[in-house]
Amino acid sequence: MVAAFTQLSKDPDGGQTLKLKIESSEPIHWVITATLEGGDLRNFIKLLLKPSVLYYAISLMLKKSAPKNVSTPS
């Protein structure tokens, strides 16, 4: 899955918007395009800064996963 901000443009109200494109190829290929305004970004940042979300994100980054496809000699 690939997510990228593709462009910064002006909206009709005079503000600026970010265009976000999310593309996936597994199990099927699909693309989602969303436009984010300043209020959306502020709400997103508020959600990310909640202590419970920060703790969960940091614990996922620090968690060691078991190696895949480990074969044992017989």
PDB file of N, CA and C in Angstrom:
ATOM      1  N   MET A   1       0.852  -1.167   0.000  1.00  0.00           N
ATOM      2  CA  MET A   1       0.000   0.000   0.000  1.00  0.00           C
ATOM      3  C   MET A   1       0.898   1.230   0.000  1.00  0.00           C
ATOM      4  N   VAL A   2       0.545   2.195  -0.811  1.00  0.00           N
ATOM      5  CA  VAL A   2       1.304   3.432  -0.919  1.00  0.00           C
ATOM      6  C   VAL A   2       0.357   4.600  -0.693  1.00  0.00           C
ATOM      7  N   ALA A   3       0.746   5.508   0.198  1.00  0.00           N
ATOM      8  CA  ALA A   3      -0.037   6.716   0.435  1.00  0.00           C
ATOM      9  C   ALA A   3       0.876   7.912   0.222  1.00  0.00           C
ATOM     10  N   ALA A   4       0.395   8.894  -0.519  1.00  0.00           N
ATOM     11  CA  ALA A   4       1.216  10.072  -0.798  1.00  0.00           C
ATOM     12  C   ALA A   4       0.338  11.299  -0.984  1.00  0.00           C
ATOM     13  N   PHE A   5       0.845  12.442  -0.511  1.00  0.00           N
ATOM     14  CA  PHE A   5       0.188  13.708  -0.798  1.00  0.00           C
ATOM     15  C   PHE A   5       0.657  14.123  -2.185  1.00  0.00           C
ATOM     16  N   THR A   6      -0.279  14.245  -3.122  1.00  0.00           N
ATOM     17  CA  THR A   6       0.104  14.464  -4.511  1.00  0.00           C
ATOM     18  C   THR A   6       0.176  15.930  -4.908  1.00  0.00           C
ATOM     19  N   GLN A   7      -0.645  16.783  -4.306  1.00  0.00           N
ATOM     20  CA  GLN A   7      -0.567  18.196  -4.682  1.00  0.00           C
ATOM     21  C   GLN A   7      -1.208  19.083  -3.631  1.00  0.00           C
ATOM     22  N   LEU A   8      -0.772  20.318  -3.614  1.00  0.00           N
ATOM     23  CA  LEU A   8      -1.341  21.357  -2.769  1.00  0.00           C
ATOM     24  C   LEU A   8      -2.027  22.345  -3.705  1.00  0.00           C
ATOM     25  N   SER A   9      -3.313  22.576  -3.506  1.00  0.00           N
ATOM     26  CA  SER A   9      -4.048  23.471  -4.405  1.00  0.00           C
ATOM     27  C   SER A   9      -4.939  24.401  -3.607  1.00  0.00           C
ATOM     28  N   LYS A  10      -5.455  25.402  -4.284  1.00  0.00           N
ATOM     29  CA  LYS A  10      -6.365  26.359  -3.647  1.00  0.00           C
ATOM     30  C   LYS A  10      -7.795  25.897  -3.871  1.00  0.00           C
ATOM     31  N   ASP A  11      -8.592  25.956  -2.815  1.00  0.00           N
ATOM     32  CA  ASP A  11     -10.005  25.601  -2.968  1.00  0.00           C
ATOM     33  C   ASP A  11     -10.806  26.850  -3.343  1.00  0.00           C
ATOM     34  N   PRO A  12     -12.057  26.694  -3.775  1.00  0.00           N
ATOM     35  CA  PRO A  12     -12.860  27.847  -4.198  1.00  0.00           C
ATOM     36  C   PRO A  12     -13.089  28.897  -3.113  1.00  0.00           C
ATOM     37  N   ASP A  13     -12.993  28.505  -1.836  1.00  0.00           N
ATOM     38  CA  ASP A  13     -13.206  29.452  -0.737  1.00  0.00           C
ATOM     39  C   ASP A  13     -11.969  30.290  -0.444  1.00  0.00           C
ATOM     40  N   GLY A  14     -10.864  30.030  -1.134  1.00  0.00           N
ATOM     41  CA  GLY A  14      -9.645  30.806  -0.926  1.00  0.00           C
ATOM     42  C   GLY A  14      -8.629  30.120  -0.047  1.00  0.00           C
ATOM     43  N   GLY A  15      -8.978  28.996   0.563  1.00  0.00           N
ATOM     44  CA  GLY A  15      -8.029  28.260   1.400  1.00  0.00           C
ATOM     45  C   GLY A  15      -7.190  27.304   0.567  1.00  0.00           C
ATOM     46  N   GLN A  16      -6.400  26.500   1.247  1.00  0.00           N
ATOM     47  CA  GLN A  16      -5.570  25.521   0.562  1.00  0.00           C
ATOM     48  C   GLN A  16      -6.006  24.118   0.957  1.00  0.00           C
ATOM     49  N   THR A  17      -5.885  23.196   0.028  1.00  0.00           N
ATOM     50  CA  THR A  17      -6.227  21.802   0.292  1.00  0.00           C
ATOM     51  C   THR A  17      -5.085  20.903  -0.147  1.00  0.00           C
ATOM     52  N   LEU A  18      -4.938  19.775   0.515  1.00  0.00           N
ATOM     53  CA  LEU A  18      -3.975  18.749   0.138  1.00  0.00           C
ATOM     54  C   LEU A  18      -4.728  17.596  -0.488  1.00  0.00           C
ATOM     55  N   LYS A  19      -4.213  17.076  -1.583  1.00  0.00           N
ATOM     56  CA  LYS A  19      -4.822  15.923  -2.236  1.00  0.00           C
ATOM     57  C   LYS A  19      -4.013  14.693  -1.831  1.00  0.00           C
ATOM     58  N   LEU A  20      -4.686  13.735  -1.205  1.00  0.00           N
ATOM     59  CA  LEU A  20      -4.051  12.509  -0.729  1.00  0.00           C
ATOM     60  C   LEU A  20      -4.473  11.359  -1.624  1.00  0.00           C
ATOM     61  N   LYS A  21      -3.501  10.589  -2.100  1.00  0.00           N
ATOM     62  CA  LYS A  21      -3.789   9.440  -2.956  1.00  0.00           C
ATOM     63  C   LYS A  21      -3.276   8.186  -2.257  1.00  0.00           C
ATOM     64  N   ILE A  22      -4.183   7.224  -2.046  1.00  0.00           N
ATOM     65  CA  ILE A  22      -3.835   5.948  -1.421  1.00  0.00           C
ATOM     66  C   ILE A  22      -4.046   4.862  -2.459  1.00  0.00           C
ATOM     67  N   GLU A  23      -3.011   4.064  -2.696  1.00  0.00           N
ATOM     68  CA  GLU A  23      -3.086   3.031  -3.731  1.00  0.00           C
ATOM     69  C   GLU A  23      -2.663   1.694  -3.139  1.00  0.00           C
ATOM     70  N   SER A  24      -3.412   0.655  -3.455  1.00  0.00           N
ATOM     71  CA  SER A  24      -3.114  -0.685  -2.979  1.00  0.00           C
ATOM     72  C   SER A  24      -3.168  -1.658  -4.147  1.00  0.00           C
ATOM     73  N   SER A  25      -2.381  -2.707  -4.068  1.00  0.00           N
ATOM     74  CA  SER A  25      -2.404  -3.710  -5.136  1.00  0.00           C
ATOM     75  C   SER A  25      -2.715  -5.103  -4.605  1.00  0.00           C
ATOM     76  N   GLU A  26      -2.925  -5.229  -3.307  1.00  0.00           N
ATOM     77  CA  GLU A  26      -3.219  -6.539  -2.751  1.00  0.00           C
ATOM     78  C   GLU A  26      -4.516  -6.496  -1.969  1.00  0.00           C
ATOM     79  N   PRO A  27      -5.439  -7.343  -2.071  1.00  0.00           N
ATOM     80  CA  PRO A  27      -5.531  -8.472  -2.996  1.00  0.00           C
ATOM     81  C   PRO A  27      -5.955  -8.039  -4.394  1.00  0.00           C
ATOM     82  N   ILE A  28      -6.550  -6.848  -4.528  1.00  0.00           N
ATOM     83  CA  ILE A  28      -6.869  -6.316  -5.849  1.00  0.00           C
ATOM     84  C   ILE A  28      -6.347  -4.888  -5.917  1.00  0.00           C
ATOM     85  N   HIS A  29      -6.227  -4.354  -7.106  1.00  0.00           N
ATOM     86  CA  HIS A  29      -5.721  -2.990  -7.264  1.00  0.00           C
ATOM     87  C   HIS A  29      -6.866  -1.992  -7.084  1.00  0.00           C
ATOM     88  N   TRP A  30      -6.676  -1.021  -6.204  1.00  0.00           N
ATOM     89  CA  TRP A  30      -7.662   0.034  -6.003  1.00  0.00           C
ATOM     90  C   TRP A  30      -6.952   1.314  -5.627  1.00  0.00           C
ATOM     91  N   VAL A  31      -7.623   2.450  -5.878  1.00  0.00           N
ATOM     92  CA  VAL A  31      -7.061   3.770  -5.591  1.00  0.00           C
ATOM     93  C   VAL A  31      -8.146   4.620  -4.922  1.00  0.00           C
ATOM     94  N   ILE A  32      -7.764   5.309  -3.849  1.00  0.00           N
ATOM     95  CA  ILE A  32      -8.653   6.254  -3.176  1.00  0.00           C
ATOM     96  C   ILE A  32      -7.977   7.618  -3.228  1.00  0.00           C
ATOM     97  N   THR A  33      -8.733   8.636  -3.611  1.00  0.00           N
ATOM     98  CA  THR A  33      -8.220   9.998  -3.618  1.00  0.00           C
ATOM     99  C   THR A  33      -9.090  10.826  -2.676  1.00  0.00           C
ATOM    100  N   ALA A  34      -8.450  11.553  -1.765  1.00  0.00           N
ATOM    101  CA  ALA A  34      -9.180  12.377  -0.803  1.00  0.00           C
ATOM    102  C   ALA A  34      -8.576  13.778  -0.777  1.00  0.00           C
ATOM    103  N   THR A  35      -9.408  14.751  -0.519  1.00  0.00           N
ATOM    104  CA  THR A  35      -8.951  16.136  -0.386  1.00  0.00           C
ATOM    105  C   THR A  35      -9.067  16.532   1.079  1.00  0.00           C
ATOM    106  N   LEU A  36      -7.967  17.031   1.642  1.00  0.00           N
ATOM    107  CA  LEU A  36      -7.920  17.407   3.053  1.00  0.00           C
ATOM    108  C   LEU A  36      -7.754  18.912   3.178  1.00  0.00           C
ATOM    109  N   GLU A  37      -8.593  19.520   4.003  1.00  0.00           N
ATOM    110  CA  GLU A  37      -8.494  20.949   4.285  1.00  0.00           C
ATOM    111  C   GLU A  37      -7.799  21.154   5.628  1.00  0.00           C
ATOM    112  N   GLY A  38      -7.577  22.401   5.984  1.00  0.00           N
ATOM    113  CA  GLY A  38      -6.896  22.727   7.231  1.00  0.00           C
ATOM    114  C   GLY A  38      -7.583  22.153   8.458  1.00  0.00           C
ATOM    115  N   GLY A  39      -8.910  22.220   8.510  1.00  0.00           N
ATOM    116  CA  GLY A  39      -9.660  21.687   9.654  1.00  0.00           C
ATOM    117  C   GLY A  39      -9.504  20.181   9.774  1.00  0.00           C
ATOM    118  N   ASP A  40      -9.489  19.501   8.628  1.00  0.00           N
ATOM    119  CA  ASP A  40      -9.296  18.049   8.640  1.00  0.00           C
ATOM    120  C   ASP A  40      -7.917  17.691   9.196  1.00  0.00           C
ATOM    121  N   LEU A  41      -6.907  18.432   8.766  1.00  0.00           N
ATOM    122  CA  LEU A  41      -5.543  18.159   9.227  1.00  0.00           C
ATOM    123  C   LEU A  41      -5.399  18.436  10.719  1.00  0.00           C
ATOM    124  N   ARG A  42      -6.041  19.503  11.202  1.00  0.00           N
ATOM    125  CA  ARG A  42      -5.980  19.795  12.641  1.00  0.00           C
ATOM    126  C   ARG A  42      -6.636  18.681  13.458  1.00  0.00           C
ATOM    127  N   ASN A  43      -7.787  18.182  12.996  1.00  0.00           N
ATOM    128  CA  ASN A  43      -8.451  17.073  13.698  1.00  0.00           C
ATOM    129  C   ASN A  43      -7.588  15.819  13.673  1.00  0.00           C
ATOM    130  N   PHE A  44      -6.941  15.551  12.552  1.00  0.00           N
ATOM    131  CA  PHE A  44      -6.075  14.381  12.430  1.00  0.00           C
ATOM    132  C   PHE A  44      -4.897  14.471  13.399  1.00  0.00           C
ATOM    133  N   ILE A  45      -4.298  15.644  13.494  1.00  0.00           N
ATOM    134  CA  ILE A  45      -3.169  15.832  14.412  1.00  0.00           C
ATOM    135  C   ILE A  45      -3.630  15.682  15.862  1.00  0.00           C
ATOM    136  N   LYS A  46      -4.810  16.224  16.193  1.00  0.00           N
ATOM    137  CA  LYS A  46      -5.348  16.071  17.558  1.00  0.00           C
ATOM    138  C   LYS A  46      -5.531  14.600  17.904  1.00  0.00           C
ATOM    139  N   LEU A  47      -6.053  13.816  16.948  1.00  0.00           N
ATOM    140  CA  LEU A  47      -6.245  12.379  17.189  1.00  0.00           C
ATOM    141  C   LEU A  47      -4.911  11.671  17.392  1.00  0.00           C
ATOM    142  N   LEU A  48      -3.908  12.037  16.601  1.00  0.00           N
ATOM    143  CA  LEU A  48      -2.604  11.388  16.720  1.00  0.00           C
ATOM    144  C   LEU A  48      -1.899  11.722  18.023  1.00  0.00           C
ATOM    145  N   LEU A  49      -2.197  12.878  18.592  1.00  0.00           N
ATOM    146  CA  LEU A  49      -1.514  13.302  19.814  1.00  0.00           C
ATOM    147  C   LEU A  49      -2.188  12.812  21.092  1.00  0.00           C
ATOM    148  N   LYS A  50      -3.259  12.035  20.974  1.00  0.00           N
ATOM    149  CA  LYS A  50      -3.870  11.454  22.168  1.00  0.00           C
ATOM    150  C   LYS A  50      -2.890  10.470  22.784  1.00  0.00           C
ATOM    151  N   PRO A  51      -2.736  10.482  24.102  1.00  0.00           N
ATOM    152  CA  PRO A  51      -1.774   9.585  24.746  1.00  0.00           C
ATOM    153  C   PRO A  51      -2.000   8.106  24.416  1.00  0.00           C
ATOM    154  N   SER A  52      -3.240   7.666  24.347  1.00  0.00           N
ATOM    155  CA  SER A  52      -3.482   6.246  24.075  1.00  0.00           C
ATOM    156  C   SER A  52      -3.049   5.868  22.655  1.00  0.00           C
ATOM    157  N   VAL A  53      -3.261   6.766  21.706  1.00  0.00           N
ATOM    158  CA  VAL A  53      -2.862   6.490  20.322  1.00  0.00           C
ATOM    159  C   VAL A  53      -1.343   6.534  20.198  1.00  0.00           C
ATOM    160  N   LEU A  54      -0.718   7.520  20.843  1.00  0.00           N
ATOM    161  CA  LEU A  54       0.749   7.603  20.826  1.00  0.00           C
ATOM    162  C   LEU A  54       1.374   6.358  21.438  1.00  0.00           C
ATOM    163  N   TYR A  55       0.848   5.914  22.563  1.00  0.00           N
ATOM    164  CA  TYR A  55       1.383   4.725  23.220  1.00  0.00           C
ATOM    165  C   TYR A  55       1.264   3.508  22.306  1.00  0.00           C
ATOM    166  N   TYR A  56       0.113   3.349  21.675  1.00  0.00           N
ATOM    167  CA  TYR A  56      -0.108   2.208  20.787  1.00  0.00           C
ATOM    168  C   TYR A  56       0.833   2.268  19.583  1.00  0.00           C
ATOM    169  N   ALA A  57       0.999   3.435  18.969  1.00  0.00           N
ATOM    170  CA  ALA A  57       1.873   3.575  17.806  1.00  0.00           C
ATOM    171  C   ALA A  57       3.324   3.296  18.179  1.00  0.00           C
ATOM    172  N   ILE A  58       3.766   3.822  19.305  1.00  0.00           N
ATOM    173  CA  ILE A  58       5.154   3.588  19.732  1.00  0.00           C
ATOM    174  C   ILE A  58       5.368   2.129  20.081  1.00  0.00           C
ATOM    175  N   SER A  59       4.399   1.497  20.720  1.00  0.00           N
ATOM    176  CA  SER A  59       4.555   0.082  21.074  1.00  0.00           C
ATOM    177  C   SER A  59       4.613  -0.784  19.809  1.00  0.00           C
ATOM    178  N   LEU A  60       3.867  -0.414  18.771  1.00  0.00           N
ATOM    179  CA  LEU A  60       3.946  -1.166  17.520  1.00  0.00           C
ATOM    180  C   LEU A  60       5.315  -1.006  16.855  1.00  0.00           C
ATOM    181  N   MET A  61       5.871   0.200  16.935  1.00  0.00           N
ATOM    182  CA  MET A  61       7.184   0.436  16.316  1.00  0.00           C
ATOM    183  C   MET A  61       8.295  -0.293  17.060  1.00  0.00           C
ATOM    184  N   LEU A  62       8.168  -0.416  18.380  1.00  0.00           N
ATOM    185  CA  LEU A  62       9.220  -1.039  19.179  1.00  0.00           C
ATOM    186  C   LEU A  62       9.058  -2.540  19.322  1.00  0.00           C
ATOM    187  N   LYS A  63       7.903  -3.063  18.953  1.00  0.00           N
ATOM    188  CA  LYS A  63       7.638  -4.489  19.099  1.00  0.00           C
ATOM    189  C   LYS A  63       8.480  -5.276  18.104  1.00  0.00           C
ATOM    190  N   LYS A  64       9.131  -6.303  18.613  1.00  0.00           N
ATOM    191  CA  LYS A  64       9.935  -7.156  17.744  1.00  0.00           C
ATOM    192  C   LYS A  64       9.064  -8.287  17.242  1.00  0.00           C
ATOM    193  N   SER A  65       9.028  -8.445  15.937  1.00  0.00           N
ATOM    194  CA  SER A  65       8.217  -9.517  15.367  1.00  0.00           C
ATOM    195  C   SER A  65       9.085 -10.754  15.149  1.00  0.00           C
ATOM    196  N   ALA A  66       8.428 -11.897  15.163  1.00  0.00           N
ATOM    197  CA  ALA A  66       9.140 -13.150  14.939  1.00  0.00           C
ATOM    198  C   ALA A  66       9.534 -13.239  13.473  1.00  0.00           C
ATOM    199  N   PRO A  67      10.721 -13.760  13.183  1.00  0.00           N
ATOM    200  CA  PRO A  67      11.139 -13.898  11.791  1.00  0.00           C
ATOM    201  C   PRO A  67      10.219 -14.858  11.046  1.00  0.00           C
ATOM    202  N   LYS A  68       9.961 -14.530   9.785  1.00  0.00           N
ATOM    203  CA  LYS A  68       9.091 -15.364   8.965  1.00  0.00           C
ATOM    204  C   LYS A  68       9.930 -16.399   8.219  1.00  0.00           C
ATOM    205  N   ASN A  69       9.298 -17.521   7.901  1.00  0.00           N
ATOM    206  CA  ASN A  69       9.910 -18.582   7.111  1.00  0.00           C
ATOM    207  C   ASN A  69      11.212 -19.107   7.706  1.00  0.00           C
ATOM    208  N   VAL A  70      11.196 -19.345   8.980  1.00  0.00           N
ATOM    209  CA  VAL A  70      12.365 -19.917   9.638  1.00  0.00           C
ATOM    210  C   VAL A  70      12.274 -21.429   9.535  1.00  0.00           C
ATOM    211  N   SER A  71      13.269 -22.005   8.918  1.00  0.00           N
ATOM    212  CA  SER A  71      13.261 -23.470   8.773  1.00  0.00           C
ATOM    213  C   SER A  71      14.235 -24.071   9.785  1.00  0.00           C
ATOM    214  N   THR A  72      13.843 -25.183  10.344  1.00  0.00           N
ATOM    215  CA  THR A  72      14.707 -25.856  11.311  1.00  0.00           C
ATOM    216  C   THR A  72      15.329 -27.069  10.630  1.00  0.00           C
ATOM    217  N   PRO A  73      16.625 -27.271  10.817  1.00  0.00           N
ATOM    218  CA  PRO A  73      17.287 -28.434  10.199  1.00  0.00           C
ATOM    219  C   PRO A  73      16.806 -29.730  10.838  1.00  0.00           C
ATOM    220  N   SER A  74      16.614 -30.772  10.023  1.00  0.00           N
ATOM    221  CA  SER A  74      16.162 -32.047  10.557  1.00  0.00           C
ATOM    222  C   SER A  74      17.271 -33.062  10.574  1.00  0.00           C
TER     223      SER A  74
END
